[in-house]
Every structure is written in structure tokens, then in C-alpha cells.
Amino acid sequence: MPTTSDLPGDAPSAAKAPPVLLVHGIWNAKAWLAPFALRLRGEGLAPRLFGYDSVLRDPERAGDRLIAHLRRHPVELLVGHSLGGLVILEALRRAPELPVRRVVCLGSPLCGSGVATAIGGRPPLSLLLGRSRGLLETGCAPWQGPAAVGVVAGNHARGVGGWFTRMDGDSDGTVTVAETRLRGLADHCVVPASHSGLVMSVDAARQAGHFLHHGRFAG
């Protein structure tokens, strides 16, 4: 089974399954990613779950906690669903010395979310986004960090996004595929899944596992 040392220039190793830390999105708890964690076990990985308050606390605070966690328990591989992907990239941007080598974002609006912008402009609905509103609306700067970042986007438009704004092009019902295409990504792929369905998707888990092992998605 490939490991995180199975990289160009490294000798293959028969070490145990490499750990990968999973970070959930807005309105969820870490248990939300348990199904995806089980699928990643089938991909030869050892998943762990990280939780944070996605509404009542600033995502920078979540990033601080993630940085502290990674300093205490270093891992080379991370996966973030939706807002979780933004939290990861912002944390790594502020702490580039962390030994993270690969990150997979599942349906993360890295370029900013049109749905979040529409909700944010409609009080009192804007309260639903809490302190994560700003990051969801603006997204991340083009990626220039040392970690290789890949995005798995969904194209089954089954979600509530269309209730709040027009969603042009392919989408997962909450985030458009275009909103996931941040400059500086190592790779990008699209699977048949909705935004919530990405964490249940066999295809998303297979692609995530392939990227975490090899630094690219399966063809």
C-alpha cells in the first residue's frame, strides 16, 4: 500500500497507513465526516477528525486551533470539506513551516461563494453564516504555499443554493465548480455528487485517496 513516503525521489515503504486529518465545514460537527473517514480507511489511510465552532467563532480562531493541533500531532495529509478547506489553507498560509505535504478540499469555495454572498446580504439570514461569513464570501488568495492542494468538486446540483442566487455553470447545488478553481492548485477533478453528498461519495473518496498517496487525481 502506498504511503506518504511514496513520492518522487523517496524509497517505497511498507509502513503502516499514513494518518490524515479531516476538517468539517459550516454547520457541522466532526462526526459529519465519519462516513468519509471510513471510506478513506479503504484507501489505505488512517483518518482522524478535527472539530471547531464554524458559526459562533471566527474562522481565524479555528485556524489557530488547527495550527496548535498540527504542532502537537504533526500529519502530512489533510482533507477539508467546504469551509473546512478554506480554514486549512488559511492556517497553512499563516504557518507554512508545518510539515503538511498534501491537502484535498471537497467542494470548498476557495474563490468565494456566491451563495454565501447572497445569504450575507439578506438579514436576518446572514446570521446563519456567523463569523465565517467574510471568509466564505471572499475565499482565499491564490495558493503559493509548499503543500500540494487538490480539489474534488461535485456537479450534481442538488442543494439550496439556487434558492438564494443564480448558479451559472456546473455546481454541486451549493458551490459552483468555477468557485473551486483557485489559482495555484496542484490538481482538480469533478465527481458526480452534491455538496453534502461529497462526504458520502465513493468517487470523491477514491480521488481523495489517490491524491493523498500520489499528489494527483486518478485519470
Protein backbone atom coordinates (compact mmCIF):
# COMPACT_ATOMS: atom_id res chain seq x y z
CA MET A 1 0.00 0.00 0.00
CA PRO A 2 1.45 3.44 -0.92
CA THR A 3 2.43 5.71 1.96
CA THR A 4 3.29 9.39 2.30
CA SER A 5 6.91 8.48 1.66
CA ASP A 6 5.95 7.07 -1.76
CA LEU A 7 6.99 10.28 -3.52
CA PRO A 8 9.43 11.05 -6.35
CA GLY A 9 12.93 10.51 -5.03
CA ASP A 10 11.77 8.57 -1.96
CA ALA A 11 12.12 4.84 -1.44
CA PRO A 12 8.79 2.97 -1.16
CA SER A 13 7.97 1.94 2.38
CA ALA A 14 5.83 -0.78 3.91
CA ALA A 15 4.99 1.44 6.88
CA LYS A 16 1.55 1.50 8.42
CA ALA A 17 -1.25 3.56 6.85
CA PRO A 18 -0.39 7.28 6.96
CA PRO A 19 -2.60 9.49 9.12
CA VAL A 20 -4.85 12.10 7.51
CA LEU A 21 -6.72 14.81 9.43
CA LEU A 22 -10.28 15.65 8.31
CA VAL A 23 -11.80 19.12 8.88
CA HIS A 24 -15.56 19.65 8.53
CA GLY A 25 -17.49 22.59 7.06
CA ILE A 26 -20.02 25.10 8.35
CA TRP A 27 -22.98 23.96 10.49
CA ASN A 28 -21.39 20.55 11.02
CA ALA A 29 -19.56 18.69 13.77
CA LYS A 30 -16.57 16.46 13.20
CA ALA A 31 -18.83 13.37 13.24
CA TRP A 32 -20.22 14.63 9.91
CA LEU A 33 -17.05 13.35 8.23
CA ALA A 34 -17.19 9.89 9.80
CA PRO A 35 -18.56 8.26 6.60
CA PHE A 36 -15.76 9.82 4.55
CA ALA A 37 -13.25 8.70 7.15
CA LEU A 38 -14.46 5.11 6.76
CA ARG A 39 -14.05 5.32 3.00
CA LEU A 40 -10.53 6.71 3.36
CA ARG A 41 -9.64 3.71 5.53
CA GLY A 42 -10.45 1.62 2.48
CA GLU A 43 -7.97 3.77 0.54
CA GLY A 44 -5.12 2.78 2.85
CA LEU A 45 -5.20 5.84 5.11
CA ALA A 46 -5.66 6.35 8.85
CA PRO A 47 -8.18 9.20 9.25
CA ARG A 48 -8.58 11.43 12.28
CA LEU A 49 -11.28 14.06 12.83
CA PHE A 50 -10.84 17.70 13.86
CA GLY A 51 -13.76 19.80 15.15
CA TYR A 52 -14.27 23.54 15.58
CA ASP A 53 -17.08 26.08 16.04
CA SER A 54 -17.92 27.18 12.50
CA VAL A 55 -20.54 29.84 13.32
CA LEU A 56 -20.05 31.49 16.72
CA ARG A 57 -16.26 31.82 16.46
CA ASP A 58 -14.07 33.45 13.87
CA PRO A 59 -12.50 31.01 11.37
CA GLU A 60 -9.12 32.54 12.23
CA ARG A 61 -9.64 31.15 15.73
CA ALA A 62 -10.35 27.76 14.18
CA GLY A 63 -7.14 28.14 12.22
CA ASP A 64 -5.25 28.91 15.41
CA ARG A 65 -6.59 25.73 16.97
CA LEU A 66 -5.73 23.73 13.86
CA ILE A 67 -2.18 25.10 13.83
CA ALA A 68 -1.76 24.25 17.52
CA HIS A 69 -3.16 20.75 16.91
CA LEU A 70 -0.78 20.13 14.00
CA ARG A 71 2.17 21.27 16.07
CA ARG A 72 1.24 18.81 18.81
CA HIS A 73 0.23 16.00 16.44
CA PRO A 74 2.00 16.53 13.09
CA VAL A 75 0.46 14.97 10.00
CA GLU A 76 1.40 15.38 6.34
CA LEU A 77 -2.10 14.93 4.89
CA LEU A 78 -5.27 16.97 5.36
CA VAL A 79 -8.81 16.91 3.95
CA GLY A 80 -11.33 19.73 4.34
CA HIS A 81 -14.97 19.76 3.32
CA SER A 82 -16.44 23.11 2.20
CA LEU A 83 -15.47 25.80 4.76
CA GLY A 84 -13.01 23.29 6.22
CA GLY A 85 -10.86 23.59 3.11
CA LEU A 86 -10.66 27.36 3.50
CA VAL A 87 -9.78 27.04 7.19
CA ILE A 88 -6.97 24.64 6.28
CA LEU A 89 -5.46 26.84 3.56
CA GLU A 90 -5.62 29.98 5.69
CA ALA A 91 -3.98 28.13 8.59
CA LEU A 92 -1.18 26.82 6.35
CA ARG A 93 -0.71 30.26 4.84
CA ARG A 94 -0.06 31.62 8.34
CA ALA A 95 2.09 28.66 9.41
CA PRO A 96 3.96 27.47 6.30
CA GLU A 97 6.52 25.67 8.46
CA LEU A 98 4.01 22.94 9.30
CA PRO A 99 5.02 19.62 7.70
CA VAL A 100 1.81 19.28 5.62
CA ARG A 101 2.56 17.94 2.17
CA ARG A 102 -0.86 17.40 0.60
CA VAL A 103 -4.34 18.82 1.07
CA VAL A 104 -7.63 17.78 -0.52
CA CYS A 105 -10.54 20.23 -0.47
CA LEU A 106 -14.02 18.78 -1.03
CA GLY A 107 -16.36 21.29 -2.65
CA SER A 108 -14.60 24.22 -0.98
CA PRO A 109 -15.50 27.67 -2.43
CA LEU A 110 -11.84 28.70 -2.47
CA CYS A 111 -12.60 31.61 -4.81
CA GLY A 112 -15.51 32.81 -2.66
CA SER A 113 -19.12 31.67 -2.52
CA GLY A 114 -21.90 33.41 -4.44
CA VAL A 115 -24.46 31.68 -2.26
CA ALA A 116 -22.75 32.97 0.91
CA THR A 117 -22.68 36.48 -0.57
CA ALA A 118 -26.38 36.28 -1.35
CA ILE A 119 -27.25 35.00 2.13
CA GLY A 120 -24.98 37.59 3.72
CA GLY A 121 -26.91 40.35 2.01
CA ARG A 122 -30.25 39.22 3.45
CA PRO A 123 -30.57 39.93 7.16
CA PRO A 124 -31.50 38.07 9.31
CA LEU A 125 -30.44 35.11 7.13
CA SER A 126 -26.90 36.45 7.28
CA LEU A 127 -26.80 35.32 10.91
CA LEU A 128 -26.70 31.74 9.64
CA LEU A 129 -23.15 32.29 8.41
CA GLY A 130 -22.00 33.73 11.73
CA ARG A 131 -18.36 34.77 11.92
CA SER A 132 -17.48 32.62 8.90
CA ARG A 133 -19.36 34.95 6.56
CA GLY A 134 -16.33 37.01 5.50
CA LEU A 135 -14.11 34.05 4.60
CA LEU A 136 -16.91 32.30 2.72
CA GLU A 137 -17.69 35.42 0.71
CA THR A 138 -14.11 36.32 -0.23
CA GLY A 139 -12.37 32.94 -0.35
CA CYS A 140 -8.60 32.52 -0.32
CA ALA A 141 -5.75 34.22 -2.13
CA PRO A 142 -4.12 32.18 -4.94
CA TRP A 143 -2.22 29.32 -3.36
CA GLN A 144 1.55 29.69 -3.10
CA GLY A 145 2.30 27.50 -0.09
CA PRO A 146 4.57 24.44 -0.01
CA ALA A 147 1.73 21.92 0.32
CA ALA A 148 0.21 20.44 -2.85
CA VAL A 149 -3.51 21.25 -2.90
CA GLY A 150 -6.13 19.35 -4.90
CA VAL A 151 -9.86 19.99 -5.15
CA VAL A 152 -12.65 17.47 -5.64
CA ALA A 153 -15.74 19.35 -6.86
CA GLY A 154 -19.25 17.98 -7.35
CA ASN A 155 -21.57 18.51 -10.31
CA HIS A 156 -24.91 17.20 -9.04
CA ALA A 157 -26.87 20.42 -8.46
CA ARG A 158 -28.95 19.14 -5.55
CA GLY A 159 -28.94 21.78 -2.86
CA VAL A 160 -30.49 25.01 -1.64
CA GLY A 161 -28.03 27.34 -3.35
CA GLY A 162 -30.45 28.10 -6.17
CA TRP A 163 -32.96 29.44 -3.65
CA PHE A 164 -30.68 32.37 -2.91
CA THR A 165 -28.88 33.20 -6.14
CA ARG A 166 -28.44 32.18 -9.74
CA MET A 167 -25.78 29.49 -10.09
CA ASP A 168 -24.22 29.58 -13.55
CA GLY A 169 -22.37 26.56 -14.88
CA ASP A 170 -21.87 23.22 -13.18
CA SER A 171 -22.39 23.12 -9.42
CA ASP A 172 -22.99 20.79 -6.51
CA GLY A 173 -26.13 22.71 -5.60
CA THR A 174 -24.27 24.96 -3.15
CA VAL A 175 -20.88 25.74 -4.71
CA THR A 176 -20.17 26.15 -8.41
CA VAL A 177 -17.28 24.25 -9.95
CA ALA A 178 -15.78 27.59 -11.01
CA GLU A 179 -15.70 28.74 -7.37
CA THR A 180 -13.43 25.79 -6.53
CA ARG A 181 -10.78 26.53 -9.19
CA LEU A 182 -8.27 28.56 -7.19
CA ARG A 183 -5.04 29.52 -8.92
CA GLY A 184 -2.08 27.52 -7.66
CA LEU A 185 -3.83 24.16 -7.27
CA ALA A 186 -1.79 21.04 -7.99
CA ASP A 187 -4.83 19.27 -9.48
CA HIS A 188 -8.62 19.47 -9.78
CA CYS A 189 -11.31 16.93 -10.57
CA VAL A 190 -15.11 16.74 -10.73
CA VAL A 191 -17.23 13.83 -9.48
CA PRO A 192 -20.99 13.15 -9.66
CA ALA A 193 -22.00 14.35 -6.18
CA SER A 194 -23.89 17.13 -4.44
CA HIS A 195 -22.26 19.38 -1.87
CA SER A 196 -23.33 17.30 1.12
CA GLY A 197 -23.04 14.12 -0.93
CA LEU A 198 -19.30 14.61 -1.40
CA VAL A 199 -18.70 13.22 2.09
CA MET A 200 -20.66 10.06 1.18
CA SER A 201 -19.26 9.67 -2.35
CA VAL A 202 -17.23 6.61 -3.29
CA ASP A 203 -15.77 8.54 -6.23
CA ALA A 204 -14.75 11.50 -4.05
CA ALA A 205 -13.05 9.20 -1.53
CA ARG A 206 -11.25 7.30 -4.28
CA GLN A 207 -9.98 10.51 -5.85
CA ALA A 208 -9.01 12.00 -2.48
CA GLY A 209 -7.12 8.85 -1.55
CA HIS A 210 -5.29 8.82 -4.88
CA PHE A 211 -4.22 12.45 -4.47
CA LEU A 212 -3.10 11.95 -0.88
CA HIS A 213 -0.96 8.98 -1.92
CA HIS A 214 0.36 10.29 -5.25
CA GLY A 215 -0.10 14.07 -5.45
CA ARG A 216 -2.51 13.86 -8.37
CA PHE A 217 -6.02 12.61 -9.06
CA ALA A 218 -6.77 9.37 -10.89
CA GLY A 219 -7.34 9.68 -14.62
